[in-house]
Amino acid sequence: MSCAGLVLLVALAAEAPPRLDLDLAFAYGNGSRSAFGGLAGATAGWQVWETPGTTGTVDVGLLAGYQNEPYSQTAALLAPMVVTGSNHRSELFVVAGPSVRLLPSRRLLLGLQAFAGVTLLSMRGSLTDSGRGVSGSYRADAAEVTLGAIGVVGIALTERLSIVGRFLLPVPYAGVAVSSYFMATLGVSLRL
């Protein structure tokens, strides 16, 4: 970390955040198949500059989510085997990064954040292949440290209520690992 970054971090930590945002969103994710769920979060923000057309802040917060990834989406590819069950993904991320509110009304929000945390995956299901006389259930659990980037776009409906979308991309992205799973969210944000 640079000396200037450390000075900025110490200066921001010494001040109480002028705003706190609470978020609740629908989440869509995709790794090996589609997953659906939700995301909740809280973010504190410190203003670092203001011009007639923009306000810049540094944001720090937590995001927590859950998504269900049902096997029924790809089960037809395995016929005549019958596969049931789903993957259950949970995550907890610390997020930090800059955001900018644009326009004189400050209604347009753009942000770029880094995230770090943990992704938990629980696989639960069963497989039946009557032609081969195979039948059984399975369960497996895994956890992985997850790092990546988040793009944030929002529109303020009122001074306190906004519609916010996020796109989370883990790095590295492989498409099949526990944490290698992109996610897009859309929801509401309430400024306290």
Protein backbone atom coordinates (compact mmCIF):
# COMPACT_ATOMS: atom_id res chain seq x y z
CA MET A 1 0.00 0.00 0.00
CA SER A 2 1.36 3.43 -0.87
CA CYS A 3 1.96 6.10 1.72
CA ALA A 4 -0.80 8.29 0.21
CA GLY A 5 -3.24 5.37 0.38
CA LEU A 6 -2.35 4.72 4.01
CA VAL A 7 -2.82 8.43 4.90
CA LEU A 8 -6.25 8.44 3.15
CA LEU A 9 -7.30 5.25 4.96
CA VAL A 10 -6.30 6.67 8.38
CA ALA A 11 -8.06 9.99 7.65
CA LEU A 12 -11.28 8.24 6.60
CA ALA A 13 -11.23 5.86 9.57
CA ALA A 14 -10.96 8.83 11.96
CA GLU A 15 -14.26 10.25 10.70
CA ALA A 16 -17.72 8.77 11.18
CA PRO A 17 -19.18 7.79 7.80
CA PRO A 18 -21.66 10.37 6.54
CA ARG A 19 -23.87 7.65 5.07
CA LEU A 20 -24.85 4.03 5.52
CA ASP A 21 -26.61 2.07 2.76
CA LEU A 22 -28.56 -1.15 3.32
CA ASP A 23 -29.14 -3.36 0.25
CA LEU A 24 -31.46 -6.25 -0.57
CA ALA A 25 -31.33 -7.81 -4.04
CA PHE A 26 -32.33 -10.74 -6.24
CA ALA A 27 -29.22 -12.65 -7.40
CA TYR A 28 -28.62 -14.66 -10.55
CA GLY A 29 -25.40 -16.61 -10.83
CA ASN A 30 -23.82 -19.02 -13.25
CA GLY A 31 -21.02 -21.51 -12.90
CA SER A 32 -21.86 -24.89 -14.38
CA ARG A 33 -25.60 -24.01 -14.48
CA SER A 34 -27.89 -21.13 -13.46
CA ALA A 35 -28.49 -20.31 -9.80
CA PHE A 36 -31.12 -18.08 -8.21
CA GLY A 37 -31.19 -16.46 -4.79
CA GLY A 38 -30.61 -13.25 -2.90
CA LEU A 39 -27.97 -10.89 -1.59
CA ALA A 40 -28.03 -8.52 1.39
CA GLY A 41 -25.45 -5.96 2.36
CA ALA A 42 -24.45 -2.89 4.29
CA THR A 43 -22.00 -0.26 3.06
CA ALA A 44 -20.51 2.79 4.78
CA GLY A 45 -19.29 5.63 2.58
CA TRP A 46 -16.95 8.56 3.09
CA GLN A 47 -17.11 11.52 0.70
CA VAL A 48 -13.68 12.38 -0.76
CA TRP A 49 -14.60 15.06 -3.31
CA GLU A 50 -17.49 17.07 -4.70
CA THR A 51 -17.91 19.15 -7.86
CA PRO A 52 -21.06 20.67 -9.36
CA GLY A 53 -21.69 17.48 -11.39
CA THR A 54 -20.20 14.68 -9.26
CA THR A 55 -19.65 13.40 -5.75
CA GLY A 56 -16.96 10.79 -5.10
CA THR A 57 -16.89 8.45 -2.13
CA VAL A 58 -14.85 5.57 -0.79
CA ASP A 59 -17.12 2.70 0.26
CA VAL A 60 -16.47 -0.22 2.63
CA GLY A 61 -19.01 -2.89 3.50
CA LEU A 62 -20.20 -6.48 3.75
CA LEU A 63 -22.25 -8.57 1.31
CA ALA A 64 -23.88 -11.90 2.20
CA GLY A 65 -25.83 -14.12 -0.15
CA TYR A 66 -27.41 -17.47 -0.93
CA GLN A 67 -28.20 -19.08 -4.30
CA ASN A 68 -29.77 -22.42 -5.23
CA GLU A 69 -28.46 -24.16 -8.36
CA PRO A 70 -30.98 -26.93 -9.26
CA TYR A 71 -29.76 -29.95 -11.23
CA SER A 72 -33.08 -30.09 -13.08
CA GLN A 73 -31.67 -27.54 -15.57
CA THR A 74 -29.13 -30.04 -16.93
CA ALA A 75 -30.73 -33.37 -15.93
CA ALA A 76 -32.12 -34.00 -19.44
CA LEU A 77 -28.54 -34.13 -20.78
CA LEU A 78 -27.88 -37.21 -18.63
CA ALA A 79 -30.94 -39.24 -19.68
CA PRO A 80 -31.75 -42.08 -19.17
CA MET A 81 -30.14 -41.41 -15.76
CA VAL A 82 -32.34 -39.46 -13.39
CA VAL A 83 -30.48 -36.79 -11.41
CA THR A 84 -32.21 -34.75 -8.70
CA GLY A 85 -31.05 -32.24 -6.13
CA SER A 86 -29.16 -28.98 -6.24
CA ASN A 87 -26.10 -27.03 -5.21
CA HIS A 88 -26.48 -24.52 -2.40
CA ARG A 89 -24.07 -21.58 -2.51
CA SER A 90 -23.51 -19.13 0.33
CA GLU A 91 -21.03 -16.30 0.40
CA LEU A 92 -19.77 -13.59 2.72
CA PHE A 93 -17.63 -10.83 1.20
CA VAL A 94 -15.88 -7.71 2.44
CA VAL A 95 -16.10 -5.03 -0.27
CA ALA A 96 -14.19 -1.78 -0.75
CA GLY A 97 -13.76 0.73 -3.53
CA PRO A 98 -14.68 4.09 -5.01
CA SER A 99 -18.08 5.21 -6.25
CA VAL A 100 -19.23 8.31 -8.08
CA ARG A 101 -22.64 9.96 -8.08
CA LEU A 102 -23.16 11.82 -11.33
CA LEU A 103 -25.43 14.60 -12.61
CA PRO A 104 -26.41 17.69 -10.63
CA SER A 105 -29.21 15.61 -9.05
CA ARG A 106 -26.70 12.87 -8.02
CA ARG A 107 -29.22 10.27 -9.28
CA LEU A 108 -26.74 8.12 -11.27
CA LEU A 109 -24.35 5.91 -9.28
CA LEU A 110 -21.30 4.15 -10.74
CA GLY A 111 -18.83 2.17 -8.66
CA LEU A 112 -16.00 -0.31 -8.86
CA GLN A 113 -15.19 -2.42 -5.82
CA ALA A 114 -12.83 -5.20 -4.91
CA PHE A 115 -14.15 -8.07 -2.81
CA ALA A 116 -12.63 -10.80 -0.67
CA GLY A 117 -14.33 -13.45 1.40
CA VAL A 118 -15.47 -17.04 1.44
CA THR A 119 -17.82 -19.08 -0.75
CA LEU A 120 -19.43 -22.22 0.68
CA LEU A 121 -20.86 -24.89 -1.63
CA SER A 122 -23.10 -27.76 -0.48
CA MET A 123 -24.05 -30.39 -3.06
CA ARG A 124 -27.10 -32.52 -2.27
CA GLY A 125 -28.75 -34.93 -4.66
CA SER A 126 -29.42 -38.42 -5.96
CA LEU A 127 -28.73 -40.41 -9.11
CA THR A 128 -30.71 -43.33 -10.50
CA ASP A 129 -29.78 -45.37 -13.59
CA SER A 130 -32.25 -48.28 -13.75
CA GLY A 131 -30.57 -49.65 -16.91
CA ARG A 132 -27.33 -50.23 -14.98
CA GLY A 133 -28.97 -50.93 -11.61
CA VAL A 134 -27.35 -47.90 -9.96
CA SER A 135 -29.13 -45.79 -7.39
CA GLY A 136 -27.83 -43.61 -4.60
CA SER A 137 -27.63 -40.23 -3.01
CA TYR A 138 -24.66 -37.96 -2.54
CA ARG A 139 -23.61 -34.99 -0.47
CA ALA A 140 -20.45 -32.96 -0.57
CA ASP A 141 -19.34 -29.68 0.96
CA ALA A 142 -16.53 -27.32 0.01
CA ALA A 143 -15.34 -23.83 0.92
CA GLU A 144 -12.99 -21.53 -0.92
CA VAL A 145 -11.51 -18.08 -0.48
CA THR A 146 -12.98 -15.83 -3.16
CA LEU A 147 -11.47 -12.65 -4.58
CA GLY A 148 -12.69 -10.46 -7.40
CA ALA A 149 -14.24 -7.27 -8.70
CA ILE A 150 -17.73 -5.77 -8.56
CA GLY A 151 -19.21 -3.26 -10.97
CA VAL A 152 -22.04 -1.19 -9.45
CA VAL A 153 -24.71 0.83 -11.29
CA GLY A 154 -27.62 2.57 -9.58
CA ILE A 155 -30.42 5.07 -10.08
CA ALA A 156 -31.76 7.08 -7.14
CA LEU A 157 -35.57 7.12 -7.04
CA THR A 158 -35.67 9.42 -4.01
CA GLU A 159 -33.04 10.89 -1.71
CA ARG A 160 -33.00 7.66 0.33
CA LEU A 161 -34.19 4.88 -2.05
CA SER A 162 -32.28 3.59 -5.08
CA ILE A 163 -32.39 0.72 -7.56
CA VAL A 164 -28.92 -0.86 -7.67
CA GLY A 165 -27.40 -3.52 -9.90
CA ARG A 166 -24.12 -5.32 -9.33
CA PHE A 167 -21.98 -7.66 -11.42
CA LEU A 168 -19.55 -9.81 -9.42
CA LEU A 169 -16.69 -11.54 -11.19
CA PRO A 170 -14.29 -13.75 -9.25
CA VAL A 171 -10.63 -13.73 -10.25
CA PRO A 172 -9.42 -16.10 -11.56
CA TYR A 173 -12.56 -17.18 -13.41
CA ALA A 174 -12.71 -20.81 -14.59
CA GLY A 175 -16.45 -21.54 -14.66
CA VAL A 176 -16.40 -24.76 -12.65
CA ALA A 177 -14.65 -24.23 -9.29
CA VAL A 178 -16.40 -23.54 -5.97
CA SER A 179 -15.84 -19.78 -6.13
CA SER A 180 -15.47 -19.37 -9.89
CA TYR A 181 -19.02 -18.28 -10.40
CA PHE A 182 -20.17 -14.93 -11.77
CA MET A 183 -23.20 -13.26 -10.20
CA ALA A 184 -25.49 -10.40 -11.22
CA THR A 185 -27.87 -8.75 -8.76
CA LEU A 186 -30.71 -6.25 -8.96
CA GLY A 187 -32.38 -4.78 -5.93
CA VAL A 188 -33.07 -1.81 -3.70
CA SER A 189 -30.78 0.27 -1.52
CA LEU A 190 -31.94 2.31 1.45
CA ARG A 191 -29.72 5.18 2.64
CA LEU A 192 -29.89 5.80 6.37
